Every structure is written in structure tokens, then in C-alpha cells.
Amino acid sequence: MKIYFWHLLNHTGAARLRGGNSRPSVRTVMTALGLLRPFLTWMHERGHSSFGRVTNPMLDDYLAALAQEPIRLQMKYQRLMEVKRLWAYRTVLPECLRLPPAPPWGGEESFEIFGRAVNYLENRTPRIAETTMQHLLCWAIRFVDDFAADILTAHAEHMRLHDEEPAQRDNAGRSSRPPPGDVPRRLNEYVARLQRCGGALPGSLDDNGCAVVDWHPVGLIIGAVGDGLGDTVAGRRVLEAGLPVSDQANLDTPISALLDERPWRDRPISYHEAPKLARLLSTACFVVIAYLSGARPGEVLNLQRDCLEYDAVNDLWSMQGLYFKNAVDADGNKLVEGQLRRIPWVVIGVVARAIEVLEQLHSQPLLFPTWLEPYRRPRDTPAKARPARRPPWPATLPASSPGSTTNVVGVGEPTRSPPIRTED
């Protein structure tokens, strides 16, 4: 069997299977053994140890046994397909591995053999209800067109404040401590600003549900983070100023977007809420782009910065990106990294605005990175060890030439195999 799978990975069968590529993908090869194993077991139970001894009447007997199996029709199709694939490679296999010269079952298609067809084109994923999709798209567009400005401003303010964290300042080569005697001045200026605009001190709720001052965001605002800020003389003066205390750390970003002629929020965006709203905005952009551009989800997720172009002469927006389906090199090998589309997607204005929002939301190359905030990305963290998966065939194969082989089925007998080609 290792000889056959080596050819699946490195060669193209002489006979092209209907509905299949000239060379199967690695994923198809990985699943092929499981689909071919019932045929191997059937042969072994009847004392057959070589494909070269299989006759067309034997294949008819296997078909009859398969037809009686209590499995889905699609699974029966797939098992027959693997036997047909084995036959398609007979001209490149050693003689002892070759099925009979005549096509299995007279070359008939599976739907002719079983008398029923399987609709592979039908999407098995339940369709999203039309009303649900309409509301989802409507609110996604509203996020992009109406709420994005407030969220972008709040997220940028969140990032500026987070840069005042001691660890961030140290990484940027800035001192994490303010000059001596400068903290009281900064606190006094901060309190005076709150009094002028009628603001409230950042806070949180204690165990009794009462709002207490949260000194950490206060330290971020004045650039002097410290656990004992509230215990200093200047901190006690802040408490004595009589300012109200909020139950959250409000940002300075004003709420400007309207919903039904009223502000879309009844309170400011908080420091901890800004990243969550930024993620919702990114998700809304994904819904708009994926639903209205015609690109597949994987193609949308791989869009990069500066993928948008505008043709002023024809008043058209175009979106450039990668495609992955049927992306192969000159030798027919699948390109897992994808290929650049020769013809970009032509998109409408709201899709272009969604892309522009994403480019303002963060500075990373991909429009949809794993983390919108770079500080959330793990650094110098060893990857978690994944449990070893048992490969469908031995991981180490003895080297030999494709022509040197003994047993086919490999039930209790040694089988030699060529090494896997690695130069590609």
C-alpha cells in the first residue's frame, strides 16, 4: 500500500476520474486509506493478498457486499471512488499492484450503479434564515457607516492609555516613573479638567455595589501608574475635591453617532469596553465584506492592507486578494499559500468603507489579524505540545525504488516502499 500512496503524492494517474483533479490533494490522500480499508479487509477475509489477482467478478462481489452495508449512500460513493482511483493508477504501479485492465464495473458512474444520485453541490450547512441575515447585514452596515467613528476614536484612546503601562513604557525605552514632584501637578490638572467639563473619576463597583475610585486608569491618564497613588497626599486631595465617581473608567471620546435621532449610547465608552467594541466592529466589517463581495470566507480572512483600489474613470472599487480553490503550481501541486487573483473582485461602496475602517482600526498587515491589539499577542511563549497523532501509515518508510515491491495489501507480510519525495 505504501507504494500506491507514494504515487498518489508524487504522480498523476493515467486515467482522470470524473469530478476529480488530475492529482489528489494531500488532504484527500490522508482520507483515502480509511475509505480503501474496507476493500482491503474484504480481500483479506477472502484470502486475497495481491491486487494483481483481483478479477472483475471479485469487484462485482465487493460491490454487492457494499450495497448491503448499512451506511449512507455518500459513503458508498466514496468507497467506490477509492477503488476506481486505485484502478486509475494501474499503469504507473508494479504489475502485482494492478487491478484488471477493464474499468471497474464497466466504467459506470456511481449513480448508475446504485440507481440513486448524491448531490455533492448541495451545501449541508443549514442556511441562515432570510430575516436573520437581513437584520445581521443591516446592523453590520450601521456599525460600519454610523458607529465606526466613535469606536475607532475610543479604541485609539484605549491604545494611547495602554501605552502608559509600565511594561509598555519600558519596552518603548521610556521611563516608567514621572519626574520627582510631578505627580501632584498632573493630578491637580486632571481634577481641574474634570471639574470644568463635569466629568467623573474612573471607578468600579465594590462587593457592596458602591462605586469606588479605580486608581489604575487614573495613573494611566496622568502617566504615573502606581499601586499607592490613592494613598499619597495628592491622591487624598483628589478624593476631597468632591468629584462624582463612575462605575467604570470612561474615556474622553464623545458619543457623536445617532440612532433614531438620539445618541446610540447613553453613556461614554469605557477603557475596558473599547477593545470589545473594536472586535464587534471588525466582525461587522467581515460580515459586510464576505456577504457583499462574493469572496469566500478564507479569501476574506487573508485580505491584506492596501488591497483596495479605486478607478475614478469608471467609478469602480476593486478588491485584490488571494484565492485557494484550485490554486496549483506548474506541476499540479496544490499551493497552500494561495495565488493572487488575476481579476480582482469588483465591490460596492459599503465594502470599500468596511476595508477603510479596518485599515484605521489597527496597523497590522492582515485586515483580520488574530489580535487587534498588539499587546495581546503572546511573546516568547513556547507553543503547547500537541498530542502525537497516529499517522495512517508508518512515519518512517524504508528507501527503495518504485519498482521494488512485494506484498500489496500488507496483511502480515513485509512491504517495501520508495521514500517520500521532498525536493518540492
Protein backbone atom coordinates (compact mmCIF):
# COMPACT_ATOMS: atom_id res chain seq x y z
CA MET A 1 0.00 0.00 0.00
CA LYS A 2 2.88 2.40 0.69
CA ILE A 3 3.93 2.17 -2.97
CA TYR A 4 0.44 3.23 -4.06
CA PHE A 5 0.25 6.15 -1.64
CA TRP A 6 3.71 7.31 -2.66
CA HIS A 7 2.40 7.55 -6.23
CA LEU A 8 -0.71 9.38 -5.05
CA LEU A 9 1.53 12.05 -3.52
CA ASN A 10 4.01 12.29 -6.38
CA HIS A 11 2.35 11.28 -9.64
CA THR A 12 -0.80 11.74 -11.67
CA GLY A 13 -2.94 8.78 -12.59
CA ALA A 14 -3.15 7.92 -16.27
CA ALA A 15 -6.96 7.89 -16.15
CA ARG A 16 -8.67 11.04 -14.86
CA LEU A 17 -11.56 10.42 -12.51
CA ARG A 18 -14.79 12.26 -13.23
CA GLY A 19 -15.26 15.21 -10.89
CA GLY A 20 -11.71 14.96 -9.53
CA ASN A 21 -8.40 16.74 -10.06
CA SER A 22 -5.54 15.18 -12.00
CA ARG A 23 -3.64 14.80 -8.74
CA PRO A 24 -5.36 14.43 -5.35
CA SER A 25 -4.60 16.93 -2.61
CA VAL A 26 -2.68 15.89 0.50
CA ARG A 27 -5.91 16.01 2.48
CA THR A 28 -7.57 13.64 0.01
CA VAL A 29 -4.62 11.26 0.27
CA MET A 30 -4.88 11.32 4.06
CA THR A 31 -8.53 10.21 3.93
CA ALA A 32 -8.03 7.72 1.08
CA LEU A 33 -6.68 4.93 3.29
CA GLY A 34 -9.70 4.99 5.57
CA LEU A 35 -12.03 4.74 2.58
CA LEU A 36 -9.97 1.98 0.95
CA ARG A 37 -9.53 -0.05 4.16
CA PRO A 38 -12.96 -1.82 3.86
CA PHE A 39 -11.91 -3.10 0.43
CA LEU A 40 -8.58 -4.32 1.86
CA THR A 41 -10.39 -6.05 4.74
CA TRP A 42 -12.84 -7.65 2.31
CA MET A 43 -9.92 -9.03 0.26
CA HIS A 44 -8.08 -10.29 3.34
CA GLU A 45 -11.14 -12.13 4.65
CA ARG A 46 -11.31 -14.00 1.34
CA GLY A 47 -7.64 -14.88 1.26
CA HIS A 48 -6.57 -12.43 -1.46
CA SER A 49 -3.18 -10.80 -0.81
CA SER A 50 -2.47 -9.03 -4.10
CA PHE A 51 -4.37 -6.58 -6.26
CA GLY A 52 -2.89 -8.31 -9.28
CA ARG A 53 -5.07 -11.36 -8.56
CA VAL A 54 -8.30 -9.41 -8.39
CA THR A 55 -10.78 -10.10 -11.19
CA ASN A 56 -13.84 -8.20 -12.36
CA PRO A 57 -16.20 -10.81 -10.85
CA MET A 58 -14.45 -10.22 -7.49
CA LEU A 59 -15.11 -6.49 -7.84
CA ASP A 60 -18.76 -7.29 -8.58
CA ASP A 61 -18.90 -9.34 -5.37
CA TYR A 62 -17.40 -6.43 -3.41
CA LEU A 63 -19.99 -4.10 -4.92
CA ALA A 64 -22.78 -6.43 -3.84
CA ALA A 65 -21.38 -6.57 -0.31
CA LEU A 66 -21.00 -2.78 -0.23
CA ALA A 67 -24.59 -2.30 -1.40
CA GLN A 68 -25.78 -4.25 1.68
CA GLU A 69 -23.77 -2.14 4.12
CA PRO A 70 -25.99 -0.04 6.48
CA ILE A 71 -24.12 3.19 5.67
CA ARG A 72 -25.01 6.44 3.95
CA LEU A 73 -25.14 6.48 0.16
CA GLN A 74 -22.43 9.15 0.08
CA MET A 75 -20.07 6.85 1.98
CA LYS A 76 -20.73 4.09 -0.55
CA TYR A 77 -19.89 6.56 -3.34
CA GLN A 78 -16.61 7.47 -1.64
CA ARG A 79 -15.56 3.84 -1.14
CA LEU A 80 -16.21 3.05 -4.78
CA MET A 81 -14.28 6.19 -5.79
CA GLU A 82 -11.15 4.96 -3.99
CA VAL A 83 -11.27 1.61 -5.77
CA LYS A 84 -11.65 3.48 -9.07
CA ARG A 85 -8.72 5.72 -8.13
CA LEU A 86 -6.60 2.63 -7.45
CA TRP A 87 -7.50 1.36 -10.92
CA ALA A 88 -6.67 4.78 -12.48
CA TYR A 89 -3.08 4.42 -11.23
CA ARG A 90 -2.60 0.87 -12.55
CA THR A 91 -0.30 1.95 -15.41
CA VAL A 92 2.23 3.56 -13.04
CA LEU A 93 2.11 0.78 -10.44
CA PRO A 94 4.05 -2.51 -10.45
CA GLU A 95 2.21 -5.39 -12.07
CA CYS A 96 1.33 -7.06 -8.78
CA LEU A 97 -0.50 -3.89 -7.71
CA ARG A 98 -2.60 -3.51 -10.84
CA LEU A 99 -6.32 -4.12 -10.93
CA PRO A 100 -7.77 -5.72 -14.09
CA PRO A 101 -7.33 -3.67 -17.30
CA ALA A 102 -11.07 -3.15 -17.78
CA PRO A 103 -12.55 -0.28 -15.78
CA PRO A 104 -14.27 -1.46 -12.61
CA TRP A 105 -17.99 -2.13 -13.02
CA GLY A 106 -17.90 -1.39 -16.71
CA GLY A 107 -16.85 2.21 -16.17
CA GLU A 108 -20.31 3.15 -14.92
CA GLU A 109 -20.76 6.12 -12.62
CA SER A 110 -21.79 5.57 -9.03
CA PHE A 111 -25.29 6.96 -9.54
CA GLU A 112 -25.78 4.44 -12.36
CA ILE A 113 -24.52 1.60 -10.18
CA PHE A 114 -26.69 2.39 -7.15
CA GLY A 115 -29.60 3.87 -9.07
CA ARG A 116 -29.54 6.99 -6.90
CA ALA A 117 -27.53 10.17 -7.06
CA VAL A 118 -25.85 12.16 -4.30
CA ASN A 119 -25.98 15.92 -4.75
CA TYR A 120 -22.43 16.97 -3.80
CA LEU A 121 -23.20 20.55 -4.78
CA GLU A 122 -25.78 20.94 -2.04
CA ASN A 123 -24.45 22.79 0.98
CA ARG A 124 -25.08 20.66 4.07
CA THR A 125 -24.70 23.66 6.37
CA PRO A 126 -28.18 24.89 7.37
CA ARG A 127 -28.99 28.11 5.56
CA ILE A 128 -29.29 31.25 7.66
CA ALA A 129 -32.90 32.43 7.64
CA GLU A 130 -33.51 35.34 5.30
CA THR A 131 -34.91 37.56 8.05
CA THR A 132 -31.93 36.81 10.30
CA MET A 133 -29.47 37.61 7.51
CA GLN A 134 -31.25 40.85 6.64
CA HIS A 135 -31.09 42.12 10.22
CA LEU A 136 -27.48 40.95 10.65
CA LEU A 137 -26.37 42.72 7.48
CA CYS A 138 -28.39 45.84 8.33
CA TRP A 139 -26.71 46.22 11.73
CA ALA A 140 -23.29 45.35 10.33
CA ILE A 141 -23.65 48.18 7.79
CA ARG A 142 -24.82 50.51 10.55
CA PHE A 143 -21.68 49.71 12.54
CA VAL A 144 -19.53 50.45 9.50
CA ASP A 145 -21.29 53.64 8.41
CA ASP A 146 -22.57 55.12 11.68
CA PHE A 147 -20.82 53.78 14.78
CA ALA A 148 -17.32 53.24 13.37
CA ALA A 149 -16.09 56.81 14.01
CA ASP A 150 -16.87 56.66 17.74
CA ILE A 151 -15.43 53.15 18.12
CA LEU A 152 -12.26 53.99 16.19
CA THR A 153 -11.66 57.09 18.33
CA ALA A 154 -12.32 55.21 21.57
CA HIS A 155 -10.06 52.33 20.54
CA ALA A 156 -7.25 54.73 19.63
CA GLU A 157 -7.64 56.40 23.05
CA HIS A 158 -7.53 52.98 24.71
CA MET A 159 -4.30 52.17 22.89
CA ARG A 160 -2.73 55.51 23.90
CA LEU A 161 -3.61 54.92 27.56
CA HIS A 162 -2.35 51.35 27.45
CA ASP A 163 0.98 52.63 26.17
CA GLU A 164 1.35 54.26 29.61
CA GLU A 165 1.52 50.86 31.31
CA PRO A 166 4.96 50.46 32.94
CA ALA A 167 5.76 47.39 30.82
CA GLN A 168 4.84 49.22 27.61
CA ARG A 169 6.91 52.26 28.58
CA ASP A 170 9.91 50.05 29.37
CA ASN A 171 9.57 48.27 26.01
CA ALA A 172 9.49 51.64 24.24
CA GLY A 173 12.59 52.85 26.12
CA ARG A 174 10.68 55.43 28.16
CA SER A 175 10.94 55.88 31.89
CA SER A 176 8.05 54.31 33.78
CA ARG A 177 8.39 56.85 36.59
CA PRO A 178 7.46 60.55 36.32
CA PRO A 179 9.92 63.23 37.45
CA PRO A 180 10.02 63.78 41.24
CA GLY A 181 7.26 66.06 42.41
CA ASP A 182 5.42 65.98 39.08
CA VAL A 183 2.58 63.66 40.15
CA PRO A 184 0.73 66.26 42.31
CA ARG A 185 0.80 68.77 39.45
CA ARG A 186 -0.60 66.22 37.00
CA LEU A 187 -3.33 65.19 39.43
CA ASN A 188 -4.32 68.81 40.05
CA GLU A 189 -4.56 69.47 36.30
CA TYR A 190 -6.62 66.29 35.83
CA VAL A 191 -9.05 67.24 38.62
CA ALA A 192 -9.40 70.79 37.25
CA ARG A 193 -10.24 69.39 33.79
CA LEU A 194 -12.91 67.10 35.22
CA GLN A 195 -14.43 69.99 37.17
CA ARG A 196 -14.58 72.17 34.04
CA CYS A 197 -16.30 69.56 31.89
CA GLY A 198 -18.43 67.99 34.62
CA GLY A 199 -16.68 64.63 34.39
CA ALA A 200 -16.40 61.81 36.92
CA LEU A 201 -13.45 59.91 38.35
CA PRO A 202 -12.84 56.41 36.96
CA GLY A 203 -14.27 53.80 39.28
CA SER A 204 -15.53 50.30 39.80
CA LEU A 205 -18.12 48.62 41.98
CA ASP A 206 -17.05 47.03 45.24
CA ASP A 207 -18.63 43.97 46.85
CA ASN A 208 -21.45 46.12 48.24
CA GLY A 209 -22.26 47.62 44.85
CA CYS A 210 -20.81 51.01 45.70
CA ALA A 211 -18.65 52.94 43.24
CA VAL A 212 -15.06 53.43 44.42
CA VAL A 213 -12.19 55.20 42.66
CA ASP A 214 -10.16 52.97 40.34
CA TRP A 215 -6.67 54.43 40.62
CA HIS A 216 -5.13 52.35 37.85
CA PRO A 217 -6.86 54.20 34.96
CA VAL A 218 -6.20 57.46 36.81
CA GLY A 219 -2.50 56.59 36.72
CA LEU A 220 -2.72 55.79 33.00
CA ILE A 221 -4.34 59.14 32.28
CA ILE A 222 -1.71 61.20 34.14
CA GLY A 223 1.18 58.91 33.13
CA ALA A 224 2.02 57.80 36.67
CA VAL A 225 0.79 54.26 37.31
CA GLY A 226 1.38 53.04 40.84
CA ASP A 227 -0.39 50.92 43.44
CA GLY A 228 -0.12 53.60 46.13
CA LEU A 229 -1.37 56.55 44.10
CA GLY A 230 -4.54 56.85 46.17
CA ASP A 231 -2.60 56.83 49.46
CA THR A 232 -0.49 59.87 48.60
CA VAL A 233 -1.28 63.39 49.78
CA ALA A 234 -2.19 64.36 46.23
CA GLY A 235 -4.46 61.32 45.96
CA ARG A 236 -6.32 62.25 49.13
CA ARG A 237 -6.80 65.76 47.74
CA VAL A 238 -8.44 64.23 44.69
CA LEU A 239 -10.96 62.49 46.94
CA GLU A 240 -11.56 65.71 48.85
CA ALA A 241 -12.41 67.57 45.63
CA GLY A 242 -15.91 66.12 45.78
CA LEU A 243 -15.98 64.79 42.20
CA PRO A 244 -18.52 62.09 41.36
CA VAL A 245 -17.18 58.55 40.91
CA SER A 246 -18.31 56.50 37.92
CA ASP A 247 -18.83 52.75 37.99
CA GLN A 248 -16.41 52.41 35.03
CA ALA A 249 -13.32 54.05 33.56
CA ASN A 250 -14.90 56.36 30.99
CA LEU A 251 -12.89 57.50 28.02
CA ASP A 252 -12.94 61.09 26.75
CA THR A 253 -14.33 60.03 23.36
CA PRO A 254 -17.63 61.86 22.78
CA ILE A 255 -20.64 59.93 21.50
CA SER A 256 -21.43 61.54 18.14
CA ALA A 257 -23.30 58.82 16.19
CA LEU A 258 -27.08 58.85 16.25
CA LEU A 259 -29.64 56.05 16.34
CA ASP A 260 -33.22 57.13 15.60
CA GLU A 261 -32.12 60.76 16.03
CA ARG A 262 -30.70 60.06 19.50
CA PRO A 263 -27.15 59.16 20.62
CA TRP A 264 -26.56 55.46 20.05
CA ARG A 265 -25.19 55.13 23.60
CA ASP A 266 -26.50 56.65 26.81
CA ARG A 267 -23.07 56.66 28.46
CA PRO A 268 -19.42 57.05 27.36
CA ILE A 269 -17.33 54.13 26.14
CA SER A 270 -15.14 52.76 28.93
CA TYR A 271 -11.47 51.85 28.82
CA HIS A 272 -12.19 48.12 29.11
CA GLU A 273 -15.13 48.23 26.69
CA ALA A 274 -13.23 49.78 23.79
CA PRO A 275 -11.43 46.55 22.72
CA LYS A 276 -14.72 44.63 22.79
CA LEU A 277 -16.44 47.22 20.60
CA ALA A 278 -13.41 47.17 18.27
CA ARG A 279 -13.81 43.40 17.89
CA LEU A 280 -17.52 43.84 17.15
CA LEU A 281 -16.65 46.46 14.54
CA SER A 282 -14.14 44.09 12.95
CA THR A 283 -16.79 41.35 12.88
CA ALA A 284 -19.29 43.73 11.27
CA CYS A 285 -16.71 44.55 8.59
CA PHE A 286 -16.23 40.83 7.95
CA VAL A 287 -19.99 40.30 7.53
CA VAL A 288 -20.21 43.20 5.07
CA ILE A 289 -17.18 42.14 3.02
CA ALA A 290 -17.97 38.41 2.98
CA TYR A 291 -21.65 38.83 2.13
CA LEU A 292 -21.40 41.63 -0.42
CA SER A 293 -18.13 40.92 -2.25
CA GLY A 294 -18.54 37.32 -3.39
CA ALA A 295 -15.23 36.27 -1.82
CA ARG A 296 -15.04 33.06 0.19
CA PRO A 297 -14.52 33.29 3.97
CA GLY A 298 -10.91 32.10 3.71
CA GLU A 299 -10.21 34.65 0.99
CA VAL A 300 -11.70 37.44 3.10
CA LEU A 301 -9.65 36.43 6.15
CA ASN A 302 -6.47 36.66 4.05
CA LEU A 303 -7.10 40.15 2.71
CA GLN A 304 -4.16 42.46 3.31
CA ARG A 305 -3.73 46.18 3.83
CA ASP A 306 -3.85 48.27 0.63
CA CYS A 307 -5.97 45.64 -1.14
CA LEU A 308 -8.48 48.30 -2.24
CA GLU A 309 -8.20 50.26 -5.48
CA TYR A 310 -10.46 52.92 -6.97
CA ASP A 311 -10.94 53.51 -10.69
CA ALA A 312 -12.01 57.17 -10.92
CA VAL A 313 -12.69 56.94 -14.66
CA ASN A 314 -15.26 54.16 -14.31
CA ASP A 315 -16.18 54.93 -10.68
CA LEU A 316 -15.41 51.36 -9.60
CA TRP A 317 -13.90 49.91 -6.46
CA SER A 318 -11.83 46.72 -6.81
CA MET A 319 -10.53 44.41 -4.09
CA GLN A 320 -7.39 42.36 -4.70
CA GLY A 321 -6.58 39.18 -2.79
CA LEU A 322 -5.66 35.52 -2.85
CA TYR A 323 -7.68 32.52 -3.95
CA PHE A 324 -7.11 28.97 -2.69
CA LYS A 325 -9.55 26.71 -4.54
CA ASN A 326 -7.76 25.01 -7.45
CA ALA A 327 -4.60 27.05 -6.79
CA VAL A 328 -1.83 24.79 -8.12
CA ASP A 329 1.69 25.22 -9.44
CA ALA A 330 3.01 24.18 -12.86
CA ASP A 331 3.33 20.55 -11.69
CA GLY A 332 -0.22 20.37 -10.38
CA ASN A 333 0.75 20.59 -6.70
CA LYS A 334 -1.69 22.50 -4.52
CA LEU A 335 -0.41 25.89 -3.34
CA VAL A 336 -1.45 26.04 0.29
CA GLU A 337 -0.39 29.70 0.45
CA GLY A 338 -2.83 30.54 -2.37
CA GLN A 339 -2.37 32.58 -5.52
CA LEU A 340 -3.07 36.22 -6.36
CA ARG A 341 -6.27 36.59 -8.35
CA ARG A 342 -5.74 37.66 -11.94
CA ILE A 343 -9.05 39.54 -11.90
CA PRO A 344 -9.87 41.36 -8.63
CA TRP A 345 -13.31 41.44 -7.08
CA VAL A 346 -15.41 44.46 -8.08
CA VAL A 347 -17.10 45.69 -4.89
CA ILE A 348 -19.63 48.30 -3.90
CA GLY A 349 -19.07 51.37 -1.76
CA VAL A 350 -20.02 49.90 1.61
CA VAL A 351 -17.46 47.11 1.14
CA ALA A 352 -14.82 49.73 0.35
CA ARG A 353 -15.78 51.65 3.50
CA ALA A 354 -15.52 48.48 5.59
CA ILE A 355 -11.97 47.91 4.31
CA GLU A 356 -11.05 51.52 5.08
CA VAL A 357 -12.42 51.12 8.63
CA LEU A 358 -10.26 48.03 9.17
CA GLU A 359 -7.17 49.85 7.95
CA GLN A 360 -7.83 52.56 10.56
CA LEU A 361 -8.62 50.08 13.33
CA HIS A 362 -5.12 48.61 13.54
CA SER A 363 -1.74 48.72 11.83
CA GLN A 364 -1.18 45.02 11.10
CA PRO A 365 -0.69 43.61 7.55
CA LEU A 366 -3.76 41.36 7.54
CA LEU A 367 -7.12 43.11 7.72
CA PHE A 368 -8.36 40.38 10.07
CA PRO A 369 -5.48 39.55 12.45
CA THR A 370 -5.85 37.22 15.40
CA TRP A 371 -5.39 40.15 17.80
CA LEU A 372 -6.42 43.72 17.10
CA GLU A 373 -4.25 44.98 19.98
CA PRO A 374 -0.57 44.02 19.55
CA TYR A 375 -0.06 43.83 23.30
CA ARG A 376 -2.44 40.85 23.46
CA ARG A 377 -0.21 38.79 21.15
CA PRO A 378 1.80 36.20 23.12
CA ARG A 379 5.52 36.86 23.00
CA ASP A 380 8.31 34.38 23.65
CA THR A 381 5.73 31.83 24.75
CA PRO A 382 6.57 28.22 23.85
CA ALA A 383 3.88 26.55 21.82
CA LYS A 384 1.78 23.99 23.64
CA ALA A 385 2.78 20.47 22.79
CA ARG A 386 0.09 18.75 20.77
CA PRO A 387 -0.52 15.06 21.37
CA ALA A 388 1.01 12.91 18.68
CA ARG A 389 -1.49 11.65 16.16
CA ARG A 390 -1.13 8.17 14.80
CA PRO A 391 -0.42 8.51 11.08
CA PRO A 392 -2.45 6.39 8.69
CA TRP A 393 0.80 4.67 7.69
CA PRO A 394 4.26 4.37 9.28
CA ALA A 395 6.02 7.73 9.56
CA THR A 396 9.39 6.27 8.56
CA LEU A 397 9.49 4.41 5.27
CA PRO A 398 12.42 2.30 4.11
CA ALA A 399 14.01 3.61 0.94
CA SER A 400 13.71 1.64 -2.26
CA SER A 401 12.88 2.17 -5.89
CA PRO A 402 9.26 2.34 -7.05
CA GLY A 403 9.65 -0.93 -8.87
CA SER A 404 10.86 -3.00 -5.92
CA THR A 405 7.82 -4.30 -4.07
CA THR A 406 6.41 -7.42 -2.60
CA ASN A 407 3.04 -7.66 -0.92
CA VAL A 408 0.19 -5.27 -1.82
CA VAL A 409 -2.36 -5.47 0.94
CA GLY A 410 0.28 -5.66 3.64
CA VAL A 411 -1.56 -8.04 5.96
CA GLY A 412 1.15 -9.74 7.99
CA GLU A 413 3.74 -9.53 5.20
CA PRO A 414 6.59 -7.03 4.74
CA THR A 415 6.14 -4.30 2.16
CA ARG A 416 8.91 -2.16 0.71
CA SER A 417 8.26 1.37 -0.41
CA PRO A 418 10.09 4.27 -2.07
CA PRO A 419 10.96 7.29 0.06
CA ILE A 420 8.62 10.29 0.03
CA ARG A 421 9.82 12.93 -2.41
CA THR A 422 10.90 16.07 -0.55
CA GLU A 423 12.55 18.26 -3.18
CA ASP A 424 9.23 20.11 -3.80
